[in-house]
């Protein structure tokens, strides 16, 4: 994925259920993410049309996948699986031993995909979040 892919990727994310978008997905911040995690985030194209995308990065010890999306007409063809496999291979090549994902609790289709792919739900963990803006409430959203 390159910064030039942003418009097509963002449109795909908007079209896909189960993906929550917010200020962290603005062009500038996605550009920062791509620069920090070079050659880890991926897109899939069919006949020069973007049909899949995933953000991939790491913090030096754990990998993270965000916003895996495949256009509705291209699902169940192995595109999502291939994107994830390549991300995991690239994380492994960088010495990252494990990868995490975040799902909305109500995203049953997404959860079913990840569980079919061998991902394990960590029931002993709870995710908490807070904004970095001083004094601002954490709010809801992704």
Foldseek 3Di string as FASTA:
>chain_A
DALVCLVLLVVQLVVDPFAFDDPCSDSVNVNVQCVQAPPQWDFDDDPNHTFWTWRWHDDLAEIEIHRTGGHPVPPPVCPSVVSVVSNVVVCVVVVHDYYDYDTDPPPPVVVVVVVVVPDDDDPVDDDDAADPPPPDGRDDTD
